[in-house]
Amino acid sequence: MTGRNRRRRRKRKSNIDFVKVFFFLVTCLVIVFAAVVILSKIISHKDRYFDEGLAFYQNAEYDKALDRFADALSEKQIFSRNKDKNTRLYMADIYMKTADYDKAVEEYHYNRHLRTKRMSVK
């Protein structure tokens, strides 16, 4: 009987459910992929671009500041709505200082739209 039990144990160990293993591996891959996507959205160059734009703004290098602010807005990042609002306000201020009033008004209106949109969500 001892020999039979060993054979049964060996037979049971060799019966791996490959479908369950496959779905487990696929699930793990999906989780890893989702984590990478989320981290790439959280970690971006938005802050660096904003800081560089702010430095150019403070040095009255408005063309370079606008480029950096535009780069900051193009970066997608989770929880960056306030940073985007500040960026757009700086851009509007630059447009006012360079007498490009139409673009300044566009930026102020866009910022106002973001603010009213947030208020209506609450």
N, C-alpha and C. Protein backbone atom coordinates (compact mmCIF):
# COMPACT_ATOMS: atom_id res chain seq x y z
N MET A 1 0.80 -1.19 0.00
CA MET A 1 0.00 0.00 0.00
C MET A 1 0.85 1.26 0.00
N THR A 2 1.96 1.16 0.61
CA THR A 2 2.81 2.33 0.66
C THR A 2 3.27 2.71 -0.74
N GLY A 3 3.56 1.73 -1.56
CA GLY A 3 3.97 2.00 -2.94
C GLY A 3 2.88 2.65 -3.76
N ARG A 4 1.65 2.19 -3.54
CA ARG A 4 0.53 2.79 -4.28
C ARG A 4 0.31 4.26 -3.89
N ASN A 5 0.41 4.54 -2.61
CA ASN A 5 0.22 5.92 -2.15
C ASN A 5 1.29 6.84 -2.74
N ARG A 6 2.50 6.36 -2.85
CA ARG A 6 3.56 7.17 -3.45
C ARG A 6 3.27 7.45 -4.92
N ARG A 7 2.80 6.41 -5.61
CA ARG A 7 2.45 6.61 -7.03
C ARG A 7 1.31 7.61 -7.18
N ARG A 8 0.32 7.52 -6.31
CA ARG A 8 -0.80 8.45 -6.37
C ARG A 8 -0.34 9.88 -6.09
N ARG A 9 0.52 10.02 -5.11
CA ARG A 9 1.05 11.35 -4.80
C ARG A 9 1.82 11.91 -5.98
N ARG A 10 2.66 11.09 -6.58
CA ARG A 10 3.41 11.55 -7.75
C ARG A 10 2.46 11.91 -8.88
N LYS A 11 1.43 11.11 -9.05
CA LYS A 11 0.48 11.37 -10.11
C LYS A 11 -0.27 12.67 -9.84
N ARG A 12 -0.64 12.91 -8.61
CA ARG A 12 -1.34 14.14 -8.26
C ARG A 12 -0.45 15.36 -8.46
N LYS A 13 0.80 15.26 -8.11
CA LYS A 13 1.72 16.37 -8.28
C LYS A 13 1.93 16.69 -9.75
N SER A 14 1.88 15.72 -10.59
CA SER A 14 2.13 15.97 -12.01
C SER A 14 0.90 16.51 -12.72
N ASN A 15 -0.25 16.44 -12.09
CA ASN A 15 -1.48 16.98 -12.68
C ASN A 15 -1.60 18.47 -12.36
N ILE A 16 -0.90 19.28 -13.09
CA ILE A 16 -0.95 20.73 -12.91
C ILE A 16 -2.06 21.27 -13.80
N ASP A 17 -2.87 22.12 -13.24
CA ASP A 17 -3.95 22.72 -14.01
C ASP A 17 -3.38 23.91 -14.79
N PHE A 18 -3.02 23.67 -16.03
CA PHE A 18 -2.36 24.68 -16.84
C PHE A 18 -3.27 25.87 -17.15
N VAL A 19 -4.55 25.65 -17.19
CA VAL A 19 -5.48 26.76 -17.44
C VAL A 19 -5.43 27.75 -16.28
N LYS A 20 -5.44 27.25 -15.06
CA LYS A 20 -5.36 28.14 -13.90
C LYS A 20 -4.02 28.87 -13.85
N VAL A 21 -2.95 28.17 -14.16
CA VAL A 21 -1.63 28.80 -14.18
C VAL A 21 -1.58 29.87 -15.26
N PHE A 22 -2.14 29.58 -16.42
CA PHE A 22 -2.15 30.56 -17.51
C PHE A 22 -2.91 31.82 -17.10
N PHE A 23 -4.12 31.64 -16.54
CA PHE A 23 -4.90 32.80 -16.13
C PHE A 23 -4.23 33.57 -14.99
N PHE A 24 -3.56 32.87 -14.10
CA PHE A 24 -2.81 33.53 -13.03
C PHE A 24 -1.69 34.39 -13.61
N LEU A 25 -0.95 33.85 -14.57
CA LEU A 25 0.14 34.61 -15.19
C LEU A 25 -0.38 35.81 -15.97
N VAL A 26 -1.48 35.62 -16.68
CA VAL A 26 -2.07 36.73 -17.43
C VAL A 26 -2.54 37.82 -16.47
N THR A 27 -3.16 37.42 -15.36
CA THR A 27 -3.60 38.38 -14.36
C THR A 27 -2.42 39.15 -13.78
N CYS A 28 -1.34 38.45 -13.50
CA CYS A 28 -0.14 39.13 -12.99
C CYS A 28 0.41 40.12 -14.00
N LEU A 29 0.44 39.75 -15.26
CA LEU A 29 0.93 40.65 -16.30
C LEU A 29 0.05 41.89 -16.42
N VAL A 30 -1.25 41.71 -16.33
CA VAL A 30 -2.17 42.85 -16.41
C VAL A 30 -1.94 43.78 -15.23
N ILE A 31 -1.76 43.24 -14.05
CA ILE A 31 -1.53 44.06 -12.86
C ILE A 31 -0.22 44.83 -12.99
N VAL A 32 0.82 44.17 -13.46
CA VAL A 32 2.11 44.84 -13.64
C VAL A 32 1.99 45.95 -14.69
N PHE A 33 1.31 45.66 -15.79
CA PHE A 33 1.14 46.66 -16.85
C PHE A 33 0.35 47.87 -16.32
N ALA A 34 -0.71 47.61 -15.56
CA ALA A 34 -1.50 48.71 -14.99
C ALA A 34 -0.66 49.54 -14.03
N ALA A 35 0.16 48.90 -13.23
CA ALA A 35 1.03 49.63 -12.30
C ALA A 35 2.02 50.51 -13.05
N VAL A 36 2.57 50.00 -14.13
CA VAL A 36 3.52 50.79 -14.93
C VAL A 36 2.83 52.00 -15.53
N VAL A 37 1.64 51.80 -16.05
CA VAL A 37 0.90 52.92 -16.65
C VAL A 37 0.56 53.97 -15.60
N ILE A 38 0.10 53.53 -14.44
CA ILE A 38 -0.24 54.47 -13.38
C ILE A 38 0.99 55.23 -12.90
N LEU A 39 2.09 54.53 -12.71
CA LEU A 39 3.32 55.20 -12.27
C LEU A 39 3.83 56.19 -13.32
N SER A 40 3.68 55.84 -14.59
CA SER A 40 4.13 56.77 -15.63
C SER A 40 3.27 58.03 -15.65
N LYS A 41 2.00 57.91 -15.25
CA LYS A 41 1.15 59.09 -15.17
C LYS A 41 1.46 59.93 -13.93
N ILE A 42 1.82 59.26 -12.86
CA ILE A 42 2.13 59.98 -11.63
C ILE A 42 3.49 60.66 -11.74
N ILE A 43 4.47 59.92 -12.24
CA ILE A 43 5.83 60.44 -12.35
C ILE A 43 6.01 60.98 -13.77
N SER A 44 6.06 62.27 -13.90
CA SER A 44 6.27 62.88 -15.21
C SER A 44 7.20 64.09 -15.03
N HIS A 45 7.43 64.77 -16.12
CA HIS A 45 8.33 65.93 -16.10
C HIS A 45 7.57 67.24 -15.93
N LYS A 46 6.30 67.15 -15.58
CA LYS A 46 5.47 68.34 -15.46
C LYS A 46 6.06 69.35 -14.48
N ASP A 47 6.47 68.89 -13.31
CA ASP A 47 7.01 69.81 -12.30
C ASP A 47 8.30 70.46 -12.78
N ARG A 48 9.15 69.67 -13.42
CA ARG A 48 10.42 70.23 -13.91
C ARG A 48 10.16 71.29 -14.98
N TYR A 49 9.25 71.00 -15.91
CA TYR A 49 8.92 71.97 -16.96
C TYR A 49 8.32 73.24 -16.35
N PHE A 50 7.44 73.06 -15.37
CA PHE A 50 6.83 74.23 -14.72
C PHE A 50 7.90 75.08 -14.03
N ASP A 51 8.79 74.44 -13.29
CA ASP A 51 9.85 75.18 -12.59
C ASP A 51 10.77 75.92 -13.56
N GLU A 52 11.11 75.26 -14.68
CA GLU A 52 11.94 75.93 -15.68
C GLU A 52 11.19 77.11 -16.29
N GLY A 53 9.90 76.92 -16.58
CA GLY A 53 9.09 78.02 -17.12
C GLY A 53 8.99 79.18 -16.15
N LEU A 54 8.86 78.86 -14.87
CA LEU A 54 8.79 79.91 -13.86
C LEU A 54 10.10 80.69 -13.77
N ALA A 55 11.22 79.98 -13.89
CA ALA A 55 12.52 80.66 -13.87
C ALA A 55 12.65 81.60 -15.08
N PHE A 56 12.25 81.13 -16.24
CA PHE A 56 12.28 81.99 -17.43
C PHE A 56 11.33 83.18 -17.26
N TYR A 57 10.17 82.94 -16.68
CA TYR A 57 9.20 84.01 -16.45
C TYR A 57 9.79 85.09 -15.53
N GLN A 58 10.44 84.65 -14.46
CA GLN A 58 11.02 85.60 -13.52
C GLN A 58 12.18 86.38 -14.12
N ASN A 59 12.84 85.81 -15.14
CA ASN A 59 13.93 86.50 -15.84
C ASN A 59 13.43 87.26 -17.07
N ALA A 60 12.12 87.36 -17.22
CA ALA A 60 11.48 88.07 -18.34
C ALA A 60 11.84 87.48 -19.70
N GLU A 61 12.13 86.19 -19.74
CA GLU A 61 12.35 85.47 -21.01
C GLU A 61 11.03 84.77 -21.36
N TYR A 62 10.09 85.57 -21.87
CA TYR A 62 8.72 85.10 -22.00
C TYR A 62 8.53 84.03 -23.08
N ASP A 63 9.28 84.11 -24.17
CA ASP A 63 9.14 83.08 -25.21
C ASP A 63 9.55 81.71 -24.69
N LYS A 64 10.68 81.67 -23.99
CA LYS A 64 11.14 80.40 -23.42
C LYS A 64 10.17 79.92 -22.33
N ALA A 65 9.65 80.86 -21.55
CA ALA A 65 8.71 80.48 -20.48
C ALA A 65 7.44 79.88 -21.08
N LEU A 66 6.94 80.49 -22.15
CA LEU A 66 5.74 79.94 -22.79
C LEU A 66 5.99 78.53 -23.32
N ASP A 67 7.16 78.32 -23.90
CA ASP A 67 7.48 76.97 -24.40
C ASP A 67 7.49 75.96 -23.26
N ARG A 68 8.11 76.31 -22.16
CA ARG A 68 8.19 75.39 -21.01
C ARG A 68 6.81 75.17 -20.39
N PHE A 69 6.03 76.22 -20.29
CA PHE A 69 4.68 76.06 -19.74
C PHE A 69 3.83 75.18 -20.66
N ALA A 70 3.98 75.35 -21.96
CA ALA A 70 3.25 74.49 -22.89
C ALA A 70 3.70 73.04 -22.75
N ASP A 71 4.99 72.83 -22.54
CA ASP A 71 5.49 71.47 -22.31
C ASP A 71 4.88 70.89 -21.03
N ALA A 72 4.77 71.71 -20.01
CA ALA A 72 4.19 71.24 -18.74
C ALA A 72 2.72 70.86 -18.93
N LEU A 73 2.00 71.64 -19.72
CA LEU A 73 0.59 71.32 -19.96
C LEU A 73 0.43 70.06 -20.80
N SER A 74 1.39 69.78 -21.66
CA SER A 74 1.28 68.60 -22.52
C SER A 74 1.58 67.31 -21.77
N GLU A 75 2.27 67.42 -20.63
CA GLU A 75 2.55 66.23 -19.81
C GLU A 75 1.28 65.82 -19.07
N LYS A 76 0.95 64.56 -19.17
CA LYS A 76 -0.21 64.04 -18.46
C LYS A 76 0.24 63.52 -17.09
N GLN A 77 -0.45 63.98 -16.07
CA GLN A 77 -0.10 63.58 -14.72
C GLN A 77 -1.37 63.54 -13.89
N ILE A 78 -1.47 62.55 -13.04
CA ILE A 78 -2.63 62.41 -12.17
C ILE A 78 -2.55 63.47 -11.07
N PHE A 79 -3.67 64.03 -10.71
CA PHE A 79 -3.79 65.04 -9.65
C PHE A 79 -3.00 66.31 -9.97
N SER A 80 -3.07 66.78 -11.20
CA SER A 80 -2.31 67.98 -11.56
C SER A 80 -3.20 69.14 -12.00
N ARG A 81 -4.46 69.10 -11.65
CA ARG A 81 -5.37 70.16 -12.08
C ARG A 81 -4.94 71.52 -11.56
N ASN A 82 -4.54 71.61 -10.29
CA ASN A 82 -4.12 72.90 -9.72
C ASN A 82 -2.84 73.40 -10.40
N LYS A 83 -1.92 72.49 -10.68
CA LYS A 83 -0.68 72.87 -11.38
C LYS A 83 -1.03 73.41 -12.77
N ASP A 84 -1.99 72.78 -13.45
CA ASP A 84 -2.39 73.25 -14.77
C ASP A 84 -3.04 74.63 -14.70
N LYS A 85 -3.83 74.86 -13.68
CA LYS A 85 -4.44 76.18 -13.51
C LYS A 85 -3.37 77.25 -13.32
N ASN A 86 -2.41 76.97 -12.46
CA ASN A 86 -1.33 77.94 -12.23
C ASN A 86 -0.53 78.18 -13.50
N THR A 87 -0.26 77.12 -14.22
CA THR A 87 0.48 77.25 -15.48
C THR A 87 -0.26 78.14 -16.45
N ARG A 88 -1.56 77.92 -16.57
CA ARG A 88 -2.36 78.74 -17.49
C ARG A 88 -2.44 80.20 -17.03
N LEU A 89 -2.45 80.43 -15.72
CA LEU A 89 -2.44 81.81 -15.23
C LEU A 89 -1.13 82.51 -15.57
N TYR A 90 -0.03 81.81 -15.41
CA TYR A 90 1.26 82.39 -15.81
C TYR A 90 1.29 82.67 -17.30
N MET A 91 0.75 81.73 -18.09
CA MET A 91 0.73 81.96 -19.55
C MET A 91 -0.13 83.17 -19.89
N ALA A 92 -1.27 83.31 -19.24
CA ALA A 92 -2.13 84.47 -19.48
C ALA A 92 -1.43 85.76 -19.09
N ASP A 93 -0.70 85.73 -18.00
CA ASP A 93 0.05 86.92 -17.57
C ASP A 93 1.12 87.28 -18.60
N ILE A 94 1.79 86.27 -19.12
CA ILE A 94 2.80 86.53 -20.16
C ILE A 94 2.14 87.15 -21.39
N TYR A 95 1.00 86.61 -21.78
CA TYR A 95 0.30 87.18 -22.94
C TYR A 95 -0.12 88.63 -22.68
N MET A 96 -0.51 88.92 -21.45
CA MET A 96 -0.86 90.31 -21.11
C MET A 96 0.38 91.20 -21.20
N LYS A 97 1.51 90.74 -20.69
CA LYS A 97 2.73 91.54 -20.71
C LYS A 97 3.27 91.74 -22.11
N THR A 98 2.99 90.80 -23.01
CA THR A 98 3.46 90.91 -24.39
C THR A 98 2.37 91.47 -25.30
N ALA A 99 1.29 91.99 -24.73
CA ALA A 99 0.19 92.64 -25.45
C ALA A 99 -0.52 91.71 -26.43
N ASP A 100 -0.54 90.41 -26.13
CA ASP A 100 -1.31 89.45 -26.93
C ASP A 100 -2.59 89.16 -26.16
N TYR A 101 -3.50 90.14 -26.20
CA TYR A 101 -4.67 90.12 -25.33
C TYR A 101 -5.66 89.02 -25.67
N ASP A 102 -5.77 88.68 -26.94
CA ASP A 102 -6.71 87.61 -27.32
C ASP A 102 -6.32 86.27 -26.69
N LYS A 103 -5.03 85.96 -26.75
CA LYS A 103 -4.58 84.71 -26.14
C LYS A 103 -4.70 84.76 -24.62
N ALA A 104 -4.48 85.94 -24.04
CA ALA A 104 -4.62 86.08 -22.59
C ALA A 104 -6.07 85.81 -22.18
N VAL A 105 -7.00 86.36 -22.94
CA VAL A 105 -8.41 86.14 -22.63
C VAL A 105 -8.76 84.66 -22.77
N GLU A 106 -8.22 84.00 -23.79
CA GLU A 106 -8.47 82.56 -23.96
C GLU A 106 -7.98 81.77 -22.74
N GLU A 107 -6.79 82.10 -22.27
CA GLU A 107 -6.25 81.38 -21.12
C GLU A 107 -7.08 81.64 -19.86
N TYR A 108 -7.50 82.89 -19.66
CA TYR A 108 -8.32 83.20 -18.49
C TYR A 108 -9.68 82.49 -18.57
N HIS A 109 -10.27 82.47 -19.76
CA HIS A 109 -11.55 81.78 -19.93
C HIS A 109 -11.40 80.28 -19.71
N TYR A 110 -10.33 79.71 -20.22
CA TYR A 110 -10.10 78.28 -20.02
C TYR A 110 -9.92 77.97 -18.53
N ASN A 111 -9.20 78.82 -17.84
CA ASN A 111 -9.00 78.63 -16.41
C ASN A 111 -10.32 78.76 -15.65
N ARG A 112 -11.13 79.72 -16.05
CA ARG A 112 -12.43 79.90 -15.41
C ARG A 112 -13.32 78.69 -15.68
N HIS A 113 -13.24 78.16 -16.88
CA HIS A 113 -14.01 76.96 -17.23
C HIS A 113 -13.60 75.79 -16.34
N LEU A 114 -12.31 75.63 -16.08
CA LEU A 114 -11.84 74.55 -15.21
C LEU A 114 -12.38 74.73 -13.79
N ARG A 115 -12.37 75.97 -13.33
CA ARG A 115 -12.84 76.24 -11.97
C ARG A 115 -14.33 75.96 -11.84
N THR A 116 -15.15 76.43 -12.79
CA THR A 116 -16.60 76.20 -12.72
C THR A 116 -16.92 74.73 -12.93
N LYS A 117 -16.14 74.04 -13.74
CA LYS A 117 -16.36 72.62 -13.96
C LYS A 117 -16.13 71.85 -12.65
N ARG A 118 -15.08 72.22 -11.92
CA ARG A 118 -14.79 71.56 -10.65
C ARG A 118 -15.88 71.84 -9.63
N MET A 119 -16.39 73.06 -9.63
CA MET A 119 -17.42 73.42 -8.66
C MET A 119 -18.72 72.67 -8.96
N SER A 120 -19.03 72.47 -10.24
CA SER A 120 -20.26 71.76 -10.58
C SER A 120 -20.17 70.28 -10.28
N VAL A 121 -18.96 69.73 -10.22
CA VAL A 121 -18.79 68.31 -9.92
C VAL A 121 -19.10 68.05 -8.46
N LYS A 122 -18.76 68.96 -7.59
CA LYS A 122 -19.01 68.80 -6.15
C LYS A 122 -20.44 68.83 -5.92
